[in-house]
């Protein structure tokens, strides 16, 4: 199973995966039900979950019904426990919408929910993140998770997300981070796919963010901080929900009063 999933992730275009994975996941789920793991997004429990990873496969990473990974389940719990996301009216932009979230978010009456992506069949608006077709200060909430590492000019993408977020609005901008690296590692001379996997963890990544990620976001104008939310869970809960112990949450907000340029 590890090799099959790894082959699909490496070989099948992402937008095709988006079309077939939900059906395949629900079929496989029927053979994995049990009581060792729980997906907090759906409440469904499993004997085991699916492995996931292009290079290094992680056991019990993918919940087959929601297609949630470790980071999605942690983020769901953060939204429920630490925010008013599920109750306060808001206009929301969801870049590269994740299957495990988008139908649930769209069903929430208090959200004016807009999805956007360059190619995804799930997106309402097809656009370049570096040139978003929205006016300034359009959204109360922006989600853009595990996207920036795929963008050659990530600074421009961050600036666009900052631009369309309303003053006082907040965003979730999670990225893969190597916590062994003090600073973000980027080298434009590395173009070979195998070398990119070695250096940046995937062949379609332009960089690997380090412990300076919160500071990088602050240079754009965001108020940003790193939150070790997972430390609030017991070891039993970390295993039950299939979390990754090293995952951090980055809380990001656009200042209510943005200084005038110049």
Protein backbone atom coordinates (compact mmCIF):
# COMPACT_ATOMS: atom_id res chain seq x y z
CA UNK A 1 0.00 0.00 0.00
CA UNK A 2 2.86 2.41 0.82
CA UNK A 3 4.40 1.93 -2.62
CA UNK A 4 1.07 2.27 -4.42
CA UNK A 5 0.21 5.55 -2.69
CA UNK A 6 3.74 6.89 -3.21
CA UNK A 7 3.53 6.05 -6.93
CA UNK A 8 0.18 7.81 -7.30
CA UNK A 9 1.46 10.93 -5.50
CA UNK A 10 4.55 11.09 -7.70
CA UNK A 11 3.02 10.13 -11.04
CA UNK A 12 -0.60 11.29 -11.24
CA UNK A 13 -1.31 15.02 -11.78
CA UNK A 14 -2.73 16.63 -8.65
CA UNK A 15 -6.01 17.71 -10.28
CA UNK A 16 -6.66 14.10 -11.40
CA UNK A 17 -5.98 12.85 -7.89
CA UNK A 18 -8.53 15.36 -6.63
CA UNK A 19 -11.14 13.77 -8.88
CA UNK A 20 -10.65 10.10 -8.01
CA UNK A 21 -9.30 10.05 -4.44
CA UNK A 22 -12.62 10.72 -2.64
CA UNK A 23 -14.26 7.66 -4.23
CA UNK A 24 -11.29 5.39 -3.64
CA UNK A 25 -10.94 6.55 -0.05
CA UNK A 26 -14.53 5.71 0.86
CA UNK A 27 -14.20 2.20 -0.61
CA UNK A 28 -10.94 1.50 1.23
CA UNK A 29 -12.43 2.87 4.45
CA UNK A 30 -14.83 -0.06 4.69
CA UNK A 31 -11.87 -2.39 5.28
CA UNK A 32 -10.14 -0.19 7.86
CA UNK A 33 -12.86 0.47 10.43
CA UNK A 34 -12.00 -0.16 14.06
CA UNK A 35 -11.28 1.68 17.30
CA UNK A 36 -7.54 2.52 17.33
CA UNK A 37 -7.70 5.87 15.53
CA UNK A 38 -10.27 8.63 15.14
CA UNK A 39 -10.66 11.35 12.55
CA UNK A 40 -12.01 14.33 14.57
CA UNK A 41 -13.35 15.90 11.38
CA UNK A 42 -15.82 13.09 10.69
CA UNK A 43 -15.87 11.24 14.01
CA UNK A 44 -15.20 7.97 12.15
CA UNK A 45 -12.87 5.51 13.90
CA UNK A 46 -10.41 3.10 12.30
CA UNK A 47 -8.39 0.01 13.03
CA UNK A 48 -5.67 1.80 11.09
CA UNK A 49 -5.41 4.68 8.67
CA UNK A 50 -3.58 4.86 5.37
CA UNK A 51 0.14 5.60 4.96
CA UNK A 52 1.06 8.79 3.12
CA UNK A 53 4.19 10.42 1.71
CA UNK A 54 5.99 10.85 -1.58
CA UNK A 55 9.49 10.10 -0.32
CA UNK A 56 9.20 8.88 3.25
CA UNK A 57 5.86 7.22 3.92
CA UNK A 58 4.22 8.00 7.27
CA UNK A 59 2.02 5.28 8.80
CA UNK A 60 -1.56 6.11 9.84
CA UNK A 61 -1.37 9.54 8.20
CA UNK A 62 -4.39 9.67 5.85
CA UNK A 63 -7.98 9.24 7.05
CA UNK A 64 -9.69 7.59 4.07
CA UNK A 65 -13.18 9.12 4.37
CA UNK A 66 -12.28 12.80 4.76
CA UNK A 67 -8.82 12.46 3.12
CA UNK A 68 -7.44 14.45 6.03
CA UNK A 69 -3.75 14.32 6.94
CA UNK A 70 -2.15 14.96 10.32
CA UNK A 71 -2.02 18.71 9.77
CA UNK A 72 -5.68 18.93 8.75
CA UNK A 73 -6.89 17.13 11.85
CA UNK A 74 -4.75 19.32 14.10
CA UNK A 75 -6.02 22.46 12.38
CA UNK A 76 -9.63 21.30 12.76
CA UNK A 77 -9.11 20.85 16.49
CA UNK A 78 -7.46 24.28 16.71
CA UNK A 79 -10.42 25.90 14.97
CA UNK A 80 -12.88 24.21 17.32
CA UNK A 81 -10.99 24.81 20.56
CA UNK A 82 -9.28 28.16 20.03
CA UNK A 83 -11.35 30.23 17.58
CA UNK A 84 -14.92 31.39 16.88
CA UNK A 85 -14.66 30.08 13.31
CA UNK A 86 -17.72 27.85 13.62
CA UNK A 87 -20.05 30.60 14.89
CA UNK A 88 -19.02 34.10 13.75
CA UNK A 89 -20.22 35.41 10.35
CA UNK A 90 -17.30 36.00 7.98
CA UNK A 91 -16.26 36.15 4.35
CA UNK A 92 -13.59 33.54 3.70
CA UNK A 93 -11.09 32.85 0.92
CA UNK A 94 -9.81 29.29 0.77
CA UNK A 95 -6.81 28.87 -1.54
CA UNK A 96 -6.15 25.34 -2.85
CA UNK A 97 -9.16 24.03 -0.93
CA UNK A 98 -8.66 20.73 0.85
CA UNK A 99 -11.33 18.08 0.30
CA UNK A 100 -11.56 17.37 4.03
CA UNK A 101 -12.62 20.97 4.72
CA UNK A 102 -14.34 22.50 1.72
CA UNK A 103 -17.75 20.77 1.78
CA UNK A 104 -18.04 21.29 5.53
CA UNK A 105 -17.08 24.96 5.28
CA UNK A 106 -19.45 25.55 2.38
CA UNK A 107 -22.33 24.08 4.37
CA UNK A 108 -21.86 26.65 7.17
CA UNK A 109 -24.56 29.30 6.79
CA UNK A 110 -22.53 31.96 8.57
CA UNK A 111 -19.65 31.77 6.05
CA UNK A 112 -19.53 33.55 2.69
CA UNK A 113 -17.14 30.96 1.34
CA UNK A 114 -14.97 31.40 -1.79
CA UNK A 115 -12.45 28.84 -3.05
CA UNK A 116 -9.62 29.61 -5.47
CA UNK A 117 -6.79 27.73 -7.17
CA UNK A 118 -4.84 27.71 -10.42
CA UNK A 119 -5.98 24.25 -11.57
CA UNK A 120 -8.07 22.46 -8.94
CA UNK A 121 -11.47 21.19 -10.15
CA UNK A 122 -12.77 22.02 -6.66
CA UNK A 123 -12.13 25.79 -6.97
CA UNK A 124 -14.82 28.41 -7.58
CA UNK A 125 -12.26 30.82 -9.04
CA UNK A 126 -9.25 29.78 -11.13
CA UNK A 127 -6.45 32.28 -10.68
CA UNK A 128 -2.78 32.88 -9.94
CA UNK A 129 -2.09 33.42 -6.25
CA UNK A 130 0.41 36.11 -7.23
CA UNK A 131 -2.34 38.10 -8.99
CA UNK A 132 -5.57 37.50 -7.09
CA UNK A 133 -8.72 38.87 -8.81
CA UNK A 134 -10.14 40.37 -5.62
CA UNK A 135 -10.19 43.97 -4.40
CA UNK A 136 -8.24 45.06 -1.35
CA UNK A 137 -9.59 44.13 2.09
CA UNK A 138 -12.08 41.59 0.72
CA UNK A 139 -11.96 38.76 3.27
CA UNK A 140 -12.23 38.32 7.03
CA UNK A 141 -10.46 34.94 6.87
CA UNK A 142 -7.93 33.43 4.47
CA UNK A 143 -6.81 29.78 4.40
CA UNK A 144 -3.76 28.94 2.29
CA UNK A 145 -2.16 25.78 3.62
CA UNK A 146 0.84 23.98 2.12
CA UNK A 147 0.77 26.23 -0.94
CA UNK A 148 3.54 28.81 -0.52
CA UNK A 149 6.34 26.25 -0.84
CA UNK A 150 5.03 25.54 -4.38
CA UNK A 151 5.20 29.22 -5.45
CA UNK A 152 8.41 30.52 -7.01
CA UNK A 153 7.79 34.07 -5.76
CA UNK A 154 6.36 33.30 -2.33
CA UNK A 155 6.86 36.89 -1.19
CA UNK A 156 4.51 38.14 -3.90
CA UNK A 157 1.97 35.48 -2.96
CA UNK A 158 2.14 36.51 0.71
CA UNK A 159 1.71 40.15 -0.29
CA UNK A 160 -1.40 39.28 -2.27
CA UNK A 161 -2.90 37.35 0.63
CA UNK A 162 -2.13 40.30 2.90
CA UNK A 163 -3.73 42.70 0.41
CA UNK A 164 -7.07 40.88 0.15
CA UNK A 165 -7.35 40.24 3.91
CA UNK A 166 -9.34 42.86 5.80
CA UNK A 167 -7.62 44.85 8.57
CA UNK A 168 -8.15 42.82 11.73
CA UNK A 169 -8.73 39.68 9.66
CA UNK A 170 -6.84 36.45 10.29
CA UNK A 171 -5.30 33.72 8.18
CA UNK A 172 -4.00 30.17 8.37
CA UNK A 173 -0.85 29.91 6.24
CA UNK A 174 0.66 26.55 7.19
CA UNK A 175 3.73 25.27 5.31
CA UNK A 176 6.14 22.34 5.66
CA UNK A 177 8.91 23.31 8.08
CA UNK A 178 12.23 21.72 8.91
CA UNK A 179 12.64 22.64 12.57
CA UNK A 180 16.29 21.62 12.39
CA UNK A 181 16.93 24.64 10.15
CA UNK A 182 17.12 28.07 11.74
CA UNK A 183 16.34 29.81 8.45
CA UNK A 184 14.44 29.02 5.28
CA UNK A 185 16.49 27.05 2.75
CA UNK A 186 16.15 28.03 -0.91
CA UNK A 187 18.42 27.40 -3.89
CA UNK A 188 17.14 28.22 -7.39
CA UNK A 189 20.01 26.28 -9.00
CA UNK A 190 18.49 22.99 -7.79
CA UNK A 191 16.18 21.97 -10.64
CA UNK A 192 16.58 18.20 -10.89
CA UNK A 193 13.40 16.57 -9.48
CA UNK A 194 15.31 14.01 -7.41
CA UNK A 195 17.56 16.70 -5.98
CA UNK A 196 14.53 18.83 -5.15
CA UNK A 197 12.99 15.93 -3.27
CA UNK A 198 16.21 15.50 -1.34
CA UNK A 199 16.59 19.19 -0.46
CA UNK A 200 12.98 20.45 -0.31
CA UNK A 201 11.02 17.22 0.46
CA UNK A 202 9.08 17.30 -2.85
CA UNK A 203 10.08 17.81 -6.46
CA UNK A 204 7.53 20.61 -6.88
CA UNK A 205 8.76 22.63 -3.89
CA UNK A 206 10.90 25.74 -4.36
CA UNK A 207 12.13 25.93 -0.77
CA UNK A 208 12.01 24.42 2.70
CA UNK A 209 10.95 26.83 5.42
CA UNK A 210 12.83 26.91 8.71
CA UNK A 211 12.24 28.17 12.23
CA UNK A 212 12.21 31.75 10.86
CA UNK A 213 8.82 31.27 9.19
CA UNK A 214 6.91 33.47 11.63
CA UNK A 215 9.49 36.21 11.05
CA UNK A 216 9.15 35.81 7.27
CA UNK A 217 5.42 36.46 7.59
CA UNK A 218 6.06 39.52 9.76
CA UNK A 219 8.22 41.08 7.02
CA UNK A 220 5.10 41.15 4.83
CA UNK A 221 3.17 43.07 7.50
CA UNK A 222 1.35 40.25 9.26
CA UNK A 223 1.27 39.91 13.01
CA UNK A 224 2.47 36.33 13.36
CA UNK A 225 3.45 33.89 16.08
CA UNK A 226 4.21 30.19 16.48
CA UNK A 227 1.85 28.20 18.70
CA UNK A 228 2.71 24.74 20.05
CA UNK A 229 -0.96 23.71 20.18
CA UNK A 230 -0.19 20.00 20.07
CA UNK A 231 1.46 20.22 23.50
CA UNK A 232 -2.05 20.55 24.95
CA UNK A 233 -2.86 16.96 23.92
CA UNK A 234 -1.86 13.81 25.79
CA UNK A 235 0.32 11.19 24.11
CA UNK A 236 -2.75 8.98 23.84
CA UNK A 237 -4.68 11.73 22.05
CA UNK A 238 -1.76 12.46 19.71
CA UNK A 239 -1.74 8.80 18.68
CA UNK A 240 -5.54 8.50 18.52
CA UNK A 241 -5.95 11.46 16.16
CA UNK A 242 -2.82 10.66 14.15
CA UNK A 243 -1.06 13.96 14.84
CA UNK A 244 2.61 14.72 14.19
CA UNK A 245 4.24 15.77 17.46
CA UNK A 246 6.44 18.44 15.81
CA UNK A 247 3.58 20.24 14.00
CA UNK A 248 3.08 23.88 15.03
CA UNK A 249 0.22 26.29 14.33
CA UNK A 250 1.09 29.71 12.91
CA UNK A 251 -1.42 32.35 13.97
CA UNK A 252 -1.49 35.22 11.48
CA UNK A 253 -3.43 38.49 11.56
CA UNK A 254 -3.50 41.66 9.49
CA UNK A 255 -3.15 44.65 11.83
CA UNK A 256 -6.41 46.51 12.38
CA UNK A 257 -4.67 49.74 11.42
CA UNK A 258 -2.18 49.26 8.59
CA UNK A 259 0.52 51.99 8.39
CA UNK A 260 0.30 54.11 5.27
CA UNK A 261 2.92 53.36 2.60
CA UNK A 262 5.90 55.69 2.48
